[in-house]
Amino acid sequence: MHEMGIALQIIDITKASIPPEHGAARVAKVHIKVGKLSAVVPDSLKFCFGVAAQDTPLAGAELVIDEIPVRGLCKDCRHTWTIAGPAFNCPRCDGGQIDLTSGRELDIDFIELAED
């Protein structure tokens, strides 16, 4: 399960991102963006995050996941659309020259510190 490795990286990056003047601050929420093609199972990632965050400044923090759809751009007619199925042809011109413009993301969007 690679979600545990991802959860550990999220925790490390988040801890390193806390400004020194807030060194003892507790993290309330970590907002991330996860693309549908990133091969991440959101529920598994949330579970792993909860387990891995114990005994860290992120203990009890909520992992908020914004799932990003797969979007395509046709190189022939410049049409953009959300790709819902396995067919990667343009729905407008049936062209097969497609650029994926989203769906592979795995980014920390922002962090919320708890107010004590």
PDB file of N, CA and C in Angstrom:
ATOM      1  N   MET A   1       0.859  -1.175   0.000  1.00  0.00           N
ATOM      2  CA  MET A   1       0.000   0.000   0.000  1.00  0.00           C
ATOM      3  C   MET A   1       0.904   1.236   0.000  1.00  0.00           C
ATOM      4  N   HIS A   2       0.991   1.905  -1.131  1.00  0.00           N
ATOM      5  CA  HIS A   2       1.856   3.083  -1.223  1.00  0.00           C
ATOM      6  C   HIS A   2       1.244   4.310  -0.560  1.00  0.00           C
ATOM      7  N   GLU A   3      -0.019   4.229  -0.151  1.00  0.00           N
ATOM      8  CA  GLU A   3      -0.656   5.355   0.532  1.00  0.00           C
ATOM      9  C   GLU A   3       0.046   5.689   1.847  1.00  0.00           C
ATOM     10  N   MET A   4       0.622   4.688   2.524  1.00  0.00           N
ATOM     11  CA  MET A   4       1.349   4.963   3.771  1.00  0.00           C
ATOM     12  C   MET A   4       2.583   5.808   3.478  1.00  0.00           C
ATOM     13  N   GLY A   5       3.296   5.500   2.437  1.00  0.00           N
ATOM     14  CA  GLY A   5       4.463   6.304   2.056  1.00  0.00           C
ATOM     15  C   GLY A   5       4.068   7.732   1.717  1.00  0.00           C
ATOM     16  N   ILE A   6       2.960   7.888   1.024  1.00  0.00           N
ATOM     17  CA  ILE A   6       2.463   9.226   0.670  1.00  0.00           C
ATOM     18  C   ILE A   6       2.051   9.970   1.934  1.00  0.00           C
ATOM     19  N   ALA A   7       1.369   9.288   2.850  1.00  0.00           N
ATOM     20  CA  ALA A   7       0.954   9.916   4.104  1.00  0.00           C
ATOM     21  C   ALA A   7       2.168  10.387   4.895  1.00  0.00           C
ATOM     22  N   LEU A   8       3.211   9.576   4.955  1.00  0.00           N
ATOM     23  CA  LEU A   8       4.433   9.964   5.669  1.00  0.00           C
ATOM     24  C   LEU A   8       5.084  11.189   5.032  1.00  0.00           C
ATOM     25  N   GLN A   9       5.075  11.254   3.708  1.00  0.00           N
ATOM     26  CA  GLN A   9       5.637  12.418   3.018  1.00  0.00           C
ATOM     27  C   GLN A   9       4.808  13.665   3.288  1.00  0.00           C
ATOM     28  N   ILE A  10       3.487  13.540   3.292  1.00  0.00           N
ATOM     29  CA  ILE A  10       2.613  14.674   3.598  1.00  0.00           C
ATOM     30  C   ILE A  10       2.927  15.196   4.995  1.00  0.00           C
ATOM     31  N   ILE A  11       3.106  14.290   5.942  1.00  0.00           N
ATOM     32  CA  ILE A  11       3.413  14.684   7.316  1.00  0.00           C
ATOM     33  C   ILE A  11       4.761  15.389   7.385  1.00  0.00           C
ATOM     34  N   ASP A  12       5.767  14.843   6.725  1.00  0.00           N
ATOM     35  CA  ASP A  12       7.100  15.463   6.736  1.00  0.00           C
ATOM     36  C   ASP A  12       7.077  16.856   6.115  1.00  0.00           C
ATOM     37  N   ILE A  13       6.420  16.984   4.977  1.00  0.00           N
ATOM     38  CA  ILE A  13       6.350  18.278   4.297  1.00  0.00           C
ATOM     39  C   ILE A  13       5.579  19.281   5.141  1.00  0.00           C
ATOM     40  N   THR A  14       4.496  18.833   5.742  1.00  0.00           N
ATOM     41  CA  THR A  14       3.686  19.722   6.570  1.00  0.00           C
ATOM     42  C   THR A  14       4.476  20.202   7.785  1.00  0.00           C
ATOM     43  N   LYS A  15       5.154  19.281   8.466  1.00  0.00           N
ATOM     44  CA  LYS A  15       5.953  19.669   9.632  1.00  0.00           C
ATOM     45  C   LYS A  15       7.034  20.675   9.243  1.00  0.00           C
ATOM     46  N   ALA A  16       7.672  20.462   8.100  1.00  0.00           N
ATOM     47  CA  ALA A  16       8.724  21.369   7.640  1.00  0.00           C
ATOM     48  C   ALA A  16       8.160  22.722   7.210  1.00  0.00           C
ATOM     49  N   SER A  17       6.868  22.775   6.913  1.00  0.00           N
ATOM     50  CA  SER A  17       6.234  24.008   6.441  1.00  0.00           C
ATOM     51  C   SER A  17       5.716  24.899   7.562  1.00  0.00           C
ATOM     52  N   ILE A  18       5.699  24.391   8.778  1.00  0.00           N
ATOM     53  CA  ILE A  18       5.227  25.208   9.898  1.00  0.00           C
ATOM     54  C   ILE A  18       6.281  26.261  10.193  1.00  0.00           C
ATOM     55  N   PRO A  19       5.916  27.539  10.140  1.00  0.00           N
ATOM     56  CA  PRO A  19       6.898  28.607  10.387  1.00  0.00           C
ATOM     57  C   PRO A  19       7.535  28.463  11.768  1.00  0.00           C
ATOM     58  N   PRO A  20       8.822  28.790  11.889  1.00  0.00           N
ATOM     59  CA  PRO A  20       9.516  28.631  13.174  1.00  0.00           C
ATOM     60  C   PRO A  20       8.823  29.338  14.341  1.00  0.00           C
ATOM     61  N   GLU A  21       8.202  30.481  14.066  1.00  0.00           N
ATOM     62  CA  GLU A  21       7.520  31.199  15.147  1.00  0.00           C
ATOM     63  C   GLU A  21       6.272  30.469  15.629  1.00  0.00           C
ATOM     64  N   HIS A  22       5.844  29.443  14.885  1.00  0.00           N
ATOM     65  CA  HIS A  22       4.695  28.617  15.274  1.00  0.00           C
ATOM     66  C   HIS A  22       5.142  27.177  15.520  1.00  0.00           C
ATOM     67  N   GLY A  23       6.378  27.005  15.933  1.00  0.00           N
ATOM     68  CA  GLY A  23       6.995  25.689  16.071  1.00  0.00           C
ATOM     69  C   GLY A  23       6.189  24.669  16.842  1.00  0.00           C
ATOM     70  N   ALA A  24       5.502  25.085  17.897  1.00  0.00           N
ATOM     71  CA  ALA A  24       4.739  24.145  18.714  1.00  0.00           C
ATOM     72  C   ALA A  24       3.266  24.095  18.302  1.00  0.00           C
ATOM     73  N   ALA A  25       2.937  24.724  17.203  1.00  0.00           N
ATOM     74  CA  ALA A  25       1.538  24.779  16.762  1.00  0.00           C
ATOM     75  C   ALA A  25       1.043  23.388  16.379  1.00  0.00           C
ATOM     76  N   ARG A  26      -0.235  23.186  16.593  1.00  0.00           N
ATOM     77  CA  ARG A  26      -0.884  21.939  16.198  1.00  0.00           C
ATOM     78  C   ARG A  26      -1.577  22.174  14.863  1.00  0.00           C
ATOM     79  N   VAL A  27      -1.484  21.206  13.968  1.00  0.00           N
ATOM     80  CA  VAL A  27      -2.114  21.298  12.655  1.00  0.00           C
ATOM     81  C   VAL A  27      -3.558  20.805  12.769  1.00  0.00           C
ATOM     82  N   ALA A  28      -4.496  21.611  12.260  1.00  0.00           N
ATOM     83  CA  ALA A  28      -5.914  21.227  12.288  1.00  0.00           C
ATOM     84  C   ALA A  28      -6.311  20.475  11.026  1.00  0.00           C
ATOM     85  N   LYS A  29      -5.880  20.986   9.858  1.00  0.00           N
ATOM     86  CA  LYS A  29      -6.265  20.373   8.581  1.00  0.00           C
ATOM     87  C   LYS A  29      -5.126  20.498   7.580  1.00  0.00           C
ATOM     88  N   VAL A  30      -5.021  19.498   6.745  1.00  0.00           N
ATOM     89  CA  VAL A  30      -4.113  19.532   5.606  1.00  0.00           C
ATOM     90  C   VAL A  30      -4.982  19.307   4.376  1.00  0.00           C
ATOM     91  N   HIS A  31      -4.981  20.283   3.474  1.00  0.00           N
ATOM     92  CA  HIS A  31      -5.773  20.198   2.251  1.00  0.00           C
ATOM     93  C   HIS A  31      -4.850  19.761   1.113  1.00  0.00           C
ATOM     94  N   ILE A  32      -5.241  18.694   0.431  1.00  0.00           N
ATOM     95  CA  ILE A  32      -4.432  18.222  -0.690  1.00  0.00           C
ATOM     96  C   ILE A  32      -5.297  18.077  -1.937  1.00  0.00           C
ATOM     97  N   LYS A  33      -4.631  18.095  -3.089  1.00  0.00           N
ATOM     98  CA  LYS A  33      -5.280  17.850  -4.369  1.00  0.00           C
ATOM     99  C   LYS A  33      -4.746  16.518  -4.896  1.00  0.00           C
ATOM    100  N   VAL A  34      -5.671  15.629  -5.251  1.00  0.00           N
ATOM    101  CA  VAL A  34      -5.309  14.304  -5.740  1.00  0.00           C
ATOM    102  C   VAL A  34      -6.016  14.076  -7.070  1.00  0.00           C
ATOM    103  N   GLY A  35      -5.242  13.892  -8.121  1.00  0.00           N
ATOM    104  CA  GLY A  35      -5.800  13.621  -9.440  1.00  0.00           C
ATOM    105  C   GLY A  35      -6.302  12.194  -9.545  1.00  0.00           C
ATOM    106  N   LYS A  36      -7.331  12.002 -10.347  1.00  0.00           N
ATOM    107  CA  LYS A  36      -7.937  10.673 -10.527  1.00  0.00           C
ATOM    108  C   LYS A  36      -6.946   9.653 -11.108  1.00  0.00           C
ATOM    109  N   LEU A  37      -5.911  10.135 -11.821  1.00  0.00           N
ATOM    110  CA  LEU A  37      -4.917   9.220 -12.403  1.00  0.00           C
ATOM    111  C   LEU A  37      -3.697   9.022 -11.504  1.00  0.00           C
ATOM    112  N   SER A  38      -3.723   9.559 -10.297  1.00  0.00           N
ATOM    113  CA  SER A  38      -2.552   9.479  -9.422  1.00  0.00           C
ATOM    114  C   SER A  38      -2.404   8.122  -8.741  1.00  0.00           C
ATOM    115  N   ALA A  39      -3.343   7.232  -8.927  1.00  0.00           N
ATOM    116  CA  ALA A  39      -3.323   5.882  -8.344  1.00  0.00           C
ATOM    117  C   ALA A  39      -3.354   5.917  -6.822  1.00  0.00           C
ATOM    118  N   VAL A  40      -4.041   6.923  -6.264  1.00  0.00           N
ATOM    119  CA  VAL A  40      -4.196   7.040  -4.821  1.00  0.00           C
ATOM    120  C   VAL A  40      -5.658   6.751  -4.475  1.00  0.00           C
ATOM    121  N   VAL A  41      -5.862   5.904  -3.476  1.00  0.00           N
ATOM    122  CA  VAL A  41      -7.204   5.613  -2.982  1.00  0.00           C
ATOM    123  C   VAL A  41      -7.451   6.555  -1.804  1.00  0.00           C
ATOM    124  N   PRO A  42      -8.325   7.566  -1.975  1.00  0.00           N
ATOM    125  CA  PRO A  42      -8.514   8.576  -0.935  1.00  0.00           C
ATOM    126  C   PRO A  42      -8.814   8.023   0.458  1.00  0.00           C
ATOM    127  N   ASP A  43      -9.701   7.043   0.570  1.00  0.00           N
ATOM    128  CA  ASP A  43     -10.021   6.498   1.889  1.00  0.00           C
ATOM    129  C   ASP A  43      -8.805   5.825   2.523  1.00  0.00           C
ATOM    130  N   SER A  44      -8.015   5.130   1.735  1.00  0.00           N
ATOM    131  CA  SER A  44      -6.799   4.492   2.252  1.00  0.00           C
ATOM    132  C   SER A  44      -5.787   5.544   2.702  1.00  0.00           C
ATOM    133  N   LEU A  45      -5.670   6.610   1.920  1.00  0.00           N
ATOM    134  CA  LEU A  45      -4.741   7.680   2.282  1.00  0.00           C
ATOM    135  C   LEU A  45      -5.162   8.346   3.583  1.00  0.00           C
ATOM    136  N   LYS A  46      -6.464   8.594   3.752  1.00  0.00           N
ATOM    137  CA  LYS A  46      -6.959   9.198   4.996  1.00  0.00           C
ATOM    138  C   LYS A  46      -6.673   8.286   6.188  1.00  0.00           C
ATOM    139  N   PHE A  47      -6.893   7.001   6.020  1.00  0.00           N
ATOM    140  CA  PHE A  47      -6.620   6.058   7.098  1.00  0.00           C
ATOM    141  C   PHE A  47      -5.133   6.066   7.457  1.00  0.00           C
ATOM    142  N   CYS A  48      -4.282   5.949   6.454  1.00  0.00           N
ATOM    143  CA  CYS A  48      -2.835   5.927   6.697  1.00  0.00           C
ATOM    144  C   CYS A  48      -2.358   7.227   7.329  1.00  0.00           C
ATOM    145  N   PHE A  49      -2.906   8.346   6.883  1.00  0.00           N
ATOM    146  CA  PHE A  49      -2.546   9.639   7.445  1.00  0.00           C
ATOM    147  C   PHE A  49      -2.893   9.674   8.936  1.00  0.00           C
ATOM    148  N   GLY A  50      -4.070   9.214   9.297  1.00  0.00           N
ATOM    149  CA  GLY A  50      -4.480   9.208  10.699  1.00  0.00           C
ATOM    150  C   GLY A  50      -3.558   8.364  11.569  1.00  0.00           C
ATOM    151  N   VAL A  51      -3.147   7.209  11.060  1.00  0.00           N
ATOM    152  CA  VAL A  51      -2.256   6.325  11.802  1.00  0.00           C
ATOM    153  C   VAL A  51      -0.862   6.941  11.912  1.00  0.00           C
ATOM    154  N   ALA A  52      -0.337   7.430  10.791  1.00  0.00           N
ATOM    155  CA  ALA A  52       1.030   7.959  10.770  1.00  0.00           C
ATOM    156  C   ALA A  52       1.167   9.281  11.514  1.00  0.00           C
ATOM    157  N   ALA A  53       0.076  10.013  11.654  1.00  0.00           N
ATOM    158  CA  ALA A  53       0.140  11.334  12.291  1.00  0.00           C
ATOM    159  C   ALA A  53       0.172  11.259  13.813  1.00  0.00           C
ATOM    160  N   GLN A  54      -0.106  10.108  14.376  1.00  0.00           N
ATOM    161  CA  GLN A  54      -0.089   9.975  15.830  1.00  0.00           C
ATOM    162  C   GLN A  54       1.291  10.352  16.365  1.00  0.00           C
ATOM    163  N   ASP A  55       1.319  11.022  17.491  1.00  0.00           N
ATOM    164  CA  ASP A  55       2.563  11.454  18.152  1.00  0.00           C
ATOM    165  C   ASP A  55       3.356  12.455  17.317  1.00  0.00           C
ATOM    166  N   THR A  56       2.668  13.214  16.465  1.00  0.00           N
ATOM    167  CA  THR A  56       3.289  14.301  15.698  1.00  0.00           C
ATOM    168  C   THR A  56       2.416  15.544  15.895  1.00  0.00           C
ATOM    169  N   PRO A  57       2.880  16.715  15.434  1.00  0.00           N
ATOM    170  CA  PRO A  57       2.024  17.906  15.505  1.00  0.00           C
ATOM    171  C   PRO A  57       0.751  17.785  14.665  1.00  0.00           C
ATOM    172  N   LEU A  58       0.662  16.732  13.876  1.00  0.00           N
ATOM    173  CA  LEU A  58      -0.519  16.518  13.040  1.00  0.00           C
ATOM    174  C   LEU A  58      -1.510  15.542  13.654  1.00  0.00           C
ATOM    175  N   ALA A  59      -1.240  15.080  14.865  1.00  0.00           N
ATOM    176  CA  ALA A  59      -2.153  14.131  15.528  1.00  0.00           C
ATOM    177  C   ALA A  59      -3.541  14.752  15.616  1.00  0.00           C
ATOM    178  N   GLY A  60      -4.532  14.027  15.119  1.00  0.00           N
ATOM    179  CA  GLY A  60      -5.909  14.503  15.142  1.00  0.00           C
ATOM    180  C   GLY A  60      -6.263  15.440  14.000  1.00  0.00           C
ATOM    181  N   ALA A  61      -5.304  15.773  13.160  1.00  0.00           N
ATOM    182  CA  ALA A  61      -5.572  16.666  12.023  1.00  0.00           C
ATOM    183  C   ALA A  61      -6.433  15.951  10.990  1.00  0.00           C
ATOM    184  N   GLU A  62      -7.223  16.733  10.305  1.00  0.00           N
ATOM    185  CA  GLU A  62      -8.075  16.201   9.239  1.00  0.00           C
ATOM    186  C   GLU A  62      -7.346  16.328   7.908  1.00  0.00           C
ATOM    187  N   LEU A  63      -7.363  15.269   7.125  1.00  0.00           N
ATOM    188  CA  LEU A  63      -6.825  15.308   5.769  1.00  0.00           C
ATOM    189  C   LEU A  63      -7.993  15.546   4.823  1.00  0.00           C
ATOM    190  N   VAL A  64      -8.003  16.708   4.183  1.00  0.00           N
ATOM    191  CA  VAL A  64      -9.087  17.090   3.275  1.00  0.00           C
ATOM    192  C   VAL A  64      -8.588  16.856   1.851  1.00  0.00           C
ATOM    193  N   ILE A  65      -9.276  15.996   1.124  1.00  0.00           N
ATOM    194  CA  ILE A  65      -8.837  15.621  -0.220  1.00  0.00           C
ATOM    195  C   ILE A  65      -9.786  16.189  -1.262  1.00  0.00           C
ATOM    196  N   ASP A  66      -9.221  16.982  -2.160  1.00  0.00           N
ATOM    197  CA  ASP A  66      -9.951  17.517  -3.304  1.00  0.00           C
ATOM    198  C   ASP A  66      -9.559  16.668  -4.512  1.00  0.00           C
ATOM    199  N   GLU A  67     -10.495  15.842  -4.996  1.00  0.00           N
ATOM    200  CA  GLU A  67     -10.191  14.974  -6.135  1.00  0.00           C
ATOM    201  C   GLU A  67     -10.308  15.765  -7.434  1.00  0.00           C
ATOM    202  N   ILE A  68      -9.249  15.731  -8.222  1.00  0.00           N
ATOM    203  CA  ILE A  68      -9.176  16.478  -9.475  1.00  0.00           C
ATOM    204  C   ILE A  68      -9.511  15.536 -10.635  1.00  0.00           C
ATOM    205  N   PRO A  69     -10.484  15.908 -11.464  1.00  0.00           N
ATOM    206  CA  PRO A  69     -10.854  15.031 -12.586  1.00  0.00           C
ATOM    207  C   PRO A  69      -9.782  15.028 -13.674  1.00  0.00           C
ATOM    208  N   VAL A  70      -9.865  14.020 -14.508  1.00  0.00           N
ATOM    209  CA  VAL A  70      -8.983  13.933 -15.676  1.00  0.00           C
ATOM    210  C   VAL A  70      -9.566  14.834 -16.754  1.00  0.00           C
ATOM    211  N   ARG A  71      -8.750  15.771 -17.232  1.00  0.00           N
ATOM    212  CA  ARG A  71      -9.193  16.688 -18.286  1.00  0.00           C
ATOM    213  C   ARG A  71      -8.279  16.518 -19.486  1.00  0.00           C
ATOM    214  N   GLY A  72      -8.893  16.586 -20.667  1.00  0.00           N
ATOM    215  CA  GLY A  72      -8.144  16.447 -21.899  1.00  0.00           C
ATOM    216  C   GLY A  72      -8.228  17.690 -22.757  1.00  0.00           C
ATOM    217  N   LEU A  73      -7.206  17.886 -23.568  1.00  0.00           N
ATOM    218  CA  LEU A  73      -7.148  18.966 -24.557  1.00  0.00           C
ATOM    219  C   LEU A  73      -6.819  18.331 -25.897  1.00  0.00           C
ATOM    220  N   CYS A  74      -7.703  18.501 -26.854  1.00  0.00           N
ATOM    221  CA  CYS A  74      -7.488  17.955 -28.198  1.00  0.00           C
ATOM    222  C   CYS A  74      -6.486  18.845 -28.934  1.00  0.00           C
ATOM    223  N   LYS A  75      -5.420  18.243 -29.437  1.00  0.00           N
ATOM    224  CA  LYS A  75      -4.409  19.002 -30.178  1.00  0.00           C
ATOM    225  C   LYS A  75      -4.918  19.424 -31.552  1.00  0.00           C
ATOM    226  N   ASP A  76      -5.947  18.731 -32.056  1.00  0.00           N
ATOM    227  CA  ASP A  76      -6.465  19.046 -33.387  1.00  0.00           C
ATOM    228  C   ASP A  76      -7.433  20.225 -33.367  1.00  0.00           C
ATOM    229  N   CYS A  77      -8.455  20.160 -32.485  1.00  0.00           N
ATOM    230  CA  CYS A  77      -9.486  21.203 -32.511  1.00  0.00           C
ATOM    231  C   CYS A  77      -9.475  22.098 -31.266  1.00  0.00           C
ATOM    232  N   ARG A  78      -8.545  21.834 -30.327  1.00  0.00           N
ATOM    233  CA  ARG A  78      -8.356  22.628 -29.105  1.00  0.00           C
ATOM    234  C   ARG A  78      -9.532  22.539 -28.114  1.00  0.00           C
ATOM    235  N   HIS A  79     -10.388  21.560 -28.287  1.00  0.00           N
ATOM    236  CA  HIS A  79     -11.510  21.344 -27.367  1.00  0.00           C
ATOM    237  C   HIS A  79     -10.981  20.766 -26.052  1.00  0.00           C
ATOM    238  N   THR A  80     -11.541  21.222 -24.916  1.00  0.00           N
ATOM    239  CA  THR A  80     -11.203  20.651 -23.615  1.00  0.00           C
ATOM    240  C   THR A  80     -12.449  20.007 -23.013  1.00  0.00           C
ATOM    241  N   TRP A  81     -12.252  18.920 -22.275  1.00  0.00           N
ATOM    242  CA  TRP A  81     -13.372  18.217 -21.666  1.00  0.00           C
ATOM    243  C   TRP A  81     -12.864  17.342 -20.523  1.00  0.00           C
ATOM    244  N   THR A  82     -13.806  16.935 -19.689  1.00  0.00           N
ATOM    245  CA  THR A  82     -13.512  15.998 -18.616  1.00  0.00           C
ATOM    246  C   THR A  82     -13.642  14.585 -19.169  1.00  0.00           C
ATOM    247  N   ILE A  83     -12.595  13.807 -18.994  1.00  0.00           N
ATOM    248  CA  ILE A  83     -12.566  12.436 -19.501  1.00  0.00           C
ATOM    249  C   ILE A  83     -13.143  11.525 -18.416  1.00  0.00           C
ATOM    250  N   ALA A  84     -14.246  10.875 -18.726  1.00  0.00           N
ATOM    251  CA  ALA A  84     -14.923  10.042 -17.735  1.00  0.00           C
ATOM    252  C   ALA A  84     -14.634   8.553 -17.924  1.00  0.00           C
ATOM    253  N   GLY A  85     -14.334   8.137 -19.130  1.00  0.00           N
ATOM    254  CA  GLY A  85     -14.147   6.717 -19.401  1.00  0.00           C
ATOM    255  C   GLY A  85     -12.762   6.419 -19.935  1.00  0.00           C
ATOM    256  N   PRO A  86     -12.544   5.192 -20.368  1.00  0.00           N
ATOM    257  CA  PRO A  86     -11.222   4.792 -20.852  1.00  0.00           C
ATOM    258  C   PRO A  86     -10.902   5.265 -22.271  1.00  0.00           C
ATOM    259  N   ALA A  87     -11.881   5.765 -23.025  1.00  0.00           N
ATOM    260  CA  ALA A  87     -11.636   6.225 -24.394  1.00  0.00           C
ATOM    261  C   ALA A  87     -10.991   7.612 -24.363  1.00  0.00           C
ATOM    262  N   PHE A  88      -9.863   7.747 -25.032  1.00  0.00           N
ATOM    263  CA  PHE A  88      -9.143   9.006 -25.045  1.00  0.00           C
ATOM    264  C   PHE A  88      -9.181   9.635 -26.431  1.00  0.00           C
ATOM    265  N   ASN A  89     -10.376   9.732 -26.977  1.00  0.00           N
ATOM    266  CA  ASN A  89     -10.587  10.429 -28.242  1.00  0.00           C
ATOM    267  C   ASN A  89     -11.400  11.679 -27.970  1.00  0.00           C
ATOM    268  N   CYS A  90     -11.185  12.706 -28.755  1.00  0.00           N
ATOM    269  CA  CYS A  90     -11.916  13.949 -28.592  1.00  0.00           C
ATOM    270  C   CYS A  90     -13.399  13.728 -28.908  1.00  0.00           C
ATOM    271  N   PRO A  91     -14.283  14.165 -28.012  1.00  0.00           N
ATOM    272  CA  PRO A  91     -15.715  13.977 -28.277  1.00  0.00           C
ATOM    273  C   PRO A  91     -16.240  14.915 -29.368  1.00  0.00           C
ATOM    274  N   ARG A  92     -15.486  15.948 -29.691  1.00  0.00           N
ATOM    275  CA  ARG A  92     -15.930  16.891 -30.711  1.00  0.00           C
ATOM    276  C   ARG A  92     -15.504  16.444 -32.115  1.00  0.00           C
ATOM    277  N   CYS A  93     -14.200  16.120 -32.290  1.00  0.00           N
ATOM    278  CA  CYS A  93     -13.709  15.808 -33.643  1.00  0.00           C
ATOM    279  C   CYS A  93     -13.226  14.366 -33.789  1.00  0.00           C
ATOM    280  N   ASP A  94     -13.285  13.586 -32.710  1.00  0.00           N
ATOM    281  CA  ASP A  94     -12.846  12.193 -32.665  1.00  0.00           C
ATOM    282  C   ASP A  94     -11.343  12.037 -32.877  1.00  0.00           C
ATOM    283  N   GLY A  95     -10.591  13.142 -32.726  1.00  0.00           N
ATOM    284  CA  GLY A  95      -9.139  13.087 -32.856  1.00  0.00           C
ATOM    285  C   GLY A  95      -8.507  12.330 -31.699  1.00  0.00           C
ATOM    286  N   GLY A  96      -7.361  11.739 -31.974  1.00  0.00           N
ATOM    287  CA  GLY A  96      -6.665  10.954 -30.954  1.00  0.00           C
ATOM    288  C   GLY A  96      -5.430  11.635 -30.397  1.00  0.00           C
ATOM    289  N   GLN A  97      -5.169  12.855 -30.832  1.00  0.00           N
ATOM    290  CA  GLN A  97      -4.008  13.611 -30.340  1.00  0.00           C
ATOM    291  C   GLN A  97      -4.440  14.396 -29.105  1.00  0.00           C
ATOM    292  N   ILE A  98      -4.273  13.805 -27.936  1.00  0.00           N
ATOM    293  CA  ILE A  98      -4.807  14.365 -26.697  1.00  0.00           C
ATOM    294  C   ILE A  98      -3.678  14.679 -25.727  1.00  0.00           C
ATOM    295  N   ASP A  99      -3.760  15.845 -25.088  1.00  0.00           N
ATOM    296  CA  ASP A  99      -2.906  16.179 -23.952  1.00  0.00           C
ATOM    297  C   ASP A  99      -3.762  16.088 -22.697  1.00  0.00           C
ATOM    298  N   LEU A 100      -3.246  15.455 -21.675  1.00  0.00           N
ATOM    299  CA  LEU A 100      -3.935  15.441 -20.388  1.00  0.00           C
ATOM    300  C   LEU A 100      -3.521  16.698 -19.640  1.00  0.00           C
ATOM    301  N   THR A 101      -4.498  17.521 -19.283  1.00  0.00           N
ATOM    302  CA  THR A 101      -4.193  18.789 -18.626  1.00  0.00           C
ATOM    303  C   THR A 101      -4.397  18.732 -17.118  1.00  0.00           C
ATOM    304  N   SER A 102      -5.069  17.716 -16.629  1.00  0.00           N
ATOM    305  CA  SER A 102      -5.188  17.512 -15.182  1.00  0.00           C
ATOM    306  C   SER A 102      -5.535  16.058 -14.926  1.00  0.00           C
ATOM    307  N   GLY A 103      -5.370  15.662 -13.672  1.00  0.00           N
ATOM    308  CA  GLY A 103      -5.703  14.305 -13.277  1.00  0.00           C
ATOM    309  C   GLY A 103      -4.539  13.542 -12.681  1.00  0.00           C
ATOM    310  N   ARG A 104      -3.337  14.117 -12.758  1.00  0.00           N
ATOM    311  CA  ARG A 104      -2.153  13.451 -12.206  1.00  0.00           C
ATOM    312  C   ARG A 104      -1.642  14.128 -10.930  1.00  0.00           C
ATOM    313  N   GLU A 105      -2.354  15.127 -10.444  1.00  0.00           N
ATOM    314  CA  GLU A 105      -1.900  15.921  -9.312  1.00  0.00           C
ATOM    315  C   GLU A 105      -1.781  15.093  -8.030  1.00  0.00           C
ATOM    316  N   LEU A 106      -0.843  15.472  -7.216  1.00  0.00           N
ATOM    317  CA  LEU A 106      -0.717  14.995  -5.840  1.00  0.00           C
ATOM    318  C   LEU A 106       0.051  16.091  -5.107  1.00  0.00           C
ATOM    319  N   ASP A 107      -0.699  17.109  -4.686  1.00  0.00           N
ATOM    320  CA  ASP A 107      -0.101  18.319  -4.134  1.00  0.00           C
ATOM    321  C   ASP A 107      -0.741  18.699  -2.810  1.00  0.00           C
ATOM    322  N   ILE A 108       0.081  19.234  -1.907  1.00  0.00           N
ATOM    323  CA  ILE A 108      -0.466  19.858  -0.712  1.00  0.00           C
ATOM    324  C   ILE A 108      -0.907  21.244  -1.136  1.00  0.00           C
ATOM    325  N   ASP A 109      -2.176  21.539  -0.936  1.00  0.00           N
ATOM    326  CA  ASP A 109      -2.737  22.831  -1.337  1.00  0.00           C
ATOM    327  C   ASP A 109      -2.500  23.876  -0.260  1.00  0.00           C
ATOM    328  N   PHE A 110      -2.947  23.588   0.969  1.00  0.00           N
ATOM    329  CA  PHE A 110      -2.674  24.489   2.095  1.00  0.00           C
ATOM    330  C   PHE A 110      -2.877  23.761   3.407  1.00  0.00           C
ATOM    331  N   ILE A 111      -2.361  24.388   4.457  1.00  0.00           N
ATOM    332  CA  ILE A 111      -2.378  23.818   5.804  1.00  0.00           C
ATOM    333  C   ILE A 111      -3.069  24.791   6.740  1.00  0.00           C
ATOM    334  N   GLU A 112      -3.927  24.266   7.603  1.00  0.00           N
ATOM    335  CA  GLU A 112      -4.578  25.095   8.613  1.00  0.00           C
ATOM    336  C   GLU A 112      -4.035  24.719   9.978  1.00  0.00           C
ATOM    337  N   LEU A 113      -3.546  25.730  10.720  1.00  0.00           N
ATOM    338  CA  LEU A 113      -3.088  25.496  12.086  1.00  0.00           C
ATOM    339  C   LEU A 113      -4.258  25.646  13.037  1.00  0.00           C
ATOM    340  N   ALA A 114      -4.236  24.891  14.123  1.00  0.00           N
ATOM    341  CA  ALA A 114      -5.296  24.965  15.133  1.00  0.00           C
ATOM    342  C   ALA A 114      -5.110  26.220  15.962  1.00  0.00           C
ATOM    343  N   GLU A 115      -6.228  26.826  16.325  1.00  0.00           N
ATOM    344  CA  GLU A 115      -6.189  27.978  17.213  1.00  0.00           C
ATOM    345  C   GLU A 115      -6.382  27.468  18.631  1.00  0.00           C
ATOM    346  N   ASP A 116      -5.406  27.748  19.481  1.00  0.00           N
ATOM    347  CA  ASP A 116      -5.514  27.279  20.864  1.00  0.00           C
ATOM    348  C   ASP A 116      -6.063  28.355  21.765  1.00  0.00           C
TER     349      ASP A 116
END
